[in-house]
Amino acid sequence: MDNGDIIFTIQKLAEYLKISRSTLYKLSQEGKIPVFAF
């Protein structure tokens, strides 16, 4: 992670953005936020 990227879990990102997990899933499905799975 030398480039300054931050990795969040779904729950932590929802808390950070102050939105629900379902809204976060919707945003990811619409391509409005980048999502990566390991």
N, C-alpha and C. Protein backbone atom coordinates (compact mmCIF):
# COMPACT_ATOMS: atom_id res chain seq x y z
N MET A 1 0.82 -1.18 0.00
CA MET A 1 0.00 0.00 0.00
C MET A 1 0.88 1.25 0.00
N ASP A 2 1.88 1.27 -0.82
CA ASP A 2 2.80 2.40 -0.91
C ASP A 2 2.15 3.63 -1.53
N ASN A 3 1.09 3.44 -2.29
CA ASN A 3 0.50 4.56 -3.04
C ASN A 3 -0.55 5.33 -2.26
N GLY A 4 -0.72 5.06 -0.98
CA GLY A 4 -1.67 5.80 -0.16
C GLY A 4 -3.09 5.29 -0.21
N ASP A 5 -3.33 4.16 -0.86
CA ASP A 5 -4.68 3.60 -0.89
C ASP A 5 -5.09 3.13 0.49
N ILE A 6 -6.38 3.29 0.80
CA ILE A 6 -6.93 2.82 2.06
C ILE A 6 -7.93 1.72 1.76
N ILE A 7 -7.87 0.65 2.51
CA ILE A 7 -8.78 -0.48 2.31
C ILE A 7 -9.75 -0.54 3.49
N PHE A 8 -11.04 -0.60 3.18
CA PHE A 8 -12.09 -0.68 4.19
C PHE A 8 -12.88 -1.97 4.02
N THR A 9 -13.44 -2.46 5.11
CA THR A 9 -14.47 -3.49 5.00
C THR A 9 -15.77 -2.77 4.65
N ILE A 10 -16.77 -3.53 4.21
CA ILE A 10 -18.07 -2.93 3.90
C ILE A 10 -18.62 -2.19 5.11
N GLN A 11 -18.59 -2.84 6.26
CA GLN A 11 -19.14 -2.24 7.48
C GLN A 11 -18.40 -0.95 7.85
N LYS A 12 -17.08 -0.98 7.84
CA LYS A 12 -16.29 0.19 8.23
C LYS A 12 -16.48 1.34 7.24
N LEU A 13 -16.57 1.03 5.95
CA LEU A 13 -16.78 2.08 4.96
C LEU A 13 -18.16 2.71 5.11
N ALA A 14 -19.17 1.90 5.37
CA ALA A 14 -20.52 2.43 5.60
C ALA A 14 -20.52 3.36 6.81
N GLU A 15 -19.84 2.97 7.88
CA GLU A 15 -19.75 3.82 9.07
C GLU A 15 -19.00 5.11 8.75
N TYR A 16 -17.90 5.01 8.01
CA TYR A 16 -17.09 6.17 7.65
C TYR A 16 -17.88 7.17 6.81
N LEU A 17 -18.65 6.65 5.85
CA LEU A 17 -19.44 7.51 4.96
C LEU A 17 -20.79 7.90 5.56
N LYS A 18 -21.12 7.27 6.69
CA LYS A 18 -22.41 7.51 7.37
C LYS A 18 -23.59 7.20 6.46
N ILE A 19 -23.50 6.03 5.82
CA ILE A 19 -24.58 5.51 4.99
C ILE A 19 -24.81 4.05 5.37
N SER A 20 -25.93 3.51 4.94
CA SER A 20 -26.23 2.11 5.27
C SER A 20 -25.41 1.18 4.37
N ARG A 21 -25.29 -0.06 4.82
CA ARG A 21 -24.60 -1.06 4.01
C ARG A 21 -25.34 -1.29 2.70
N SER A 22 -26.68 -1.27 2.73
CA SER A 22 -27.45 -1.49 1.50
C SER A 22 -27.20 -0.36 0.50
N THR A 23 -27.07 0.87 0.97
CA THR A 23 -26.75 1.98 0.07
C THR A 23 -25.36 1.80 -0.52
N LEU A 24 -24.44 1.33 0.28
CA LEU A 24 -23.08 1.09 -0.19
C LEU A 24 -23.06 0.00 -1.26
N TYR A 25 -23.81 -1.08 -1.05
CA TYR A 25 -23.90 -2.13 -2.06
C TYR A 25 -24.51 -1.58 -3.35
N LYS A 26 -25.53 -0.75 -3.23
CA LYS A 26 -26.18 -0.15 -4.40
C LYS A 26 -25.19 0.72 -5.18
N LEU A 27 -24.44 1.54 -4.47
CA LEU A 27 -23.44 2.40 -5.12
C LEU A 27 -22.38 1.57 -5.84
N SER A 28 -21.99 0.46 -5.24
CA SER A 28 -20.99 -0.40 -5.88
C SER A 28 -21.55 -1.07 -7.12
N GLN A 29 -22.79 -1.50 -7.07
CA GLN A 29 -23.42 -2.13 -8.23
C GLN A 29 -23.62 -1.14 -9.38
N GLU A 30 -23.82 0.13 -9.05
CA GLU A 30 -24.00 1.17 -10.06
C GLU A 30 -22.66 1.66 -10.61
N GLY A 31 -21.55 1.18 -10.03
CA GLY A 31 -20.23 1.58 -10.49
C GLY A 31 -19.80 2.95 -10.00
N LYS A 32 -20.46 3.47 -8.98
CA LYS A 32 -20.16 4.81 -8.48
C LYS A 32 -19.00 4.82 -7.49
N ILE A 33 -18.66 3.66 -6.96
CA ILE A 33 -17.50 3.53 -6.09
C ILE A 33 -16.74 2.28 -6.51
N PRO A 34 -15.41 2.31 -6.43
CA PRO A 34 -14.64 1.13 -6.81
C PRO A 34 -14.72 0.06 -5.72
N VAL A 35 -14.84 -1.18 -6.15
CA VAL A 35 -14.93 -2.31 -5.22
C VAL A 35 -13.97 -3.40 -5.68
N PHE A 36 -13.25 -3.96 -4.73
CA PHE A 36 -12.32 -5.04 -5.01
C PHE A 36 -12.55 -6.15 -4.01
N ALA A 37 -12.49 -7.37 -4.45
CA ALA A 37 -12.65 -8.52 -3.55
C ALA A 37 -11.37 -9.35 -3.61
N PHE A 38 -11.03 -9.94 -2.50
CA PHE A 38 -9.84 -10.79 -2.42
C PHE A 38 -10.27 -12.22 -2.48
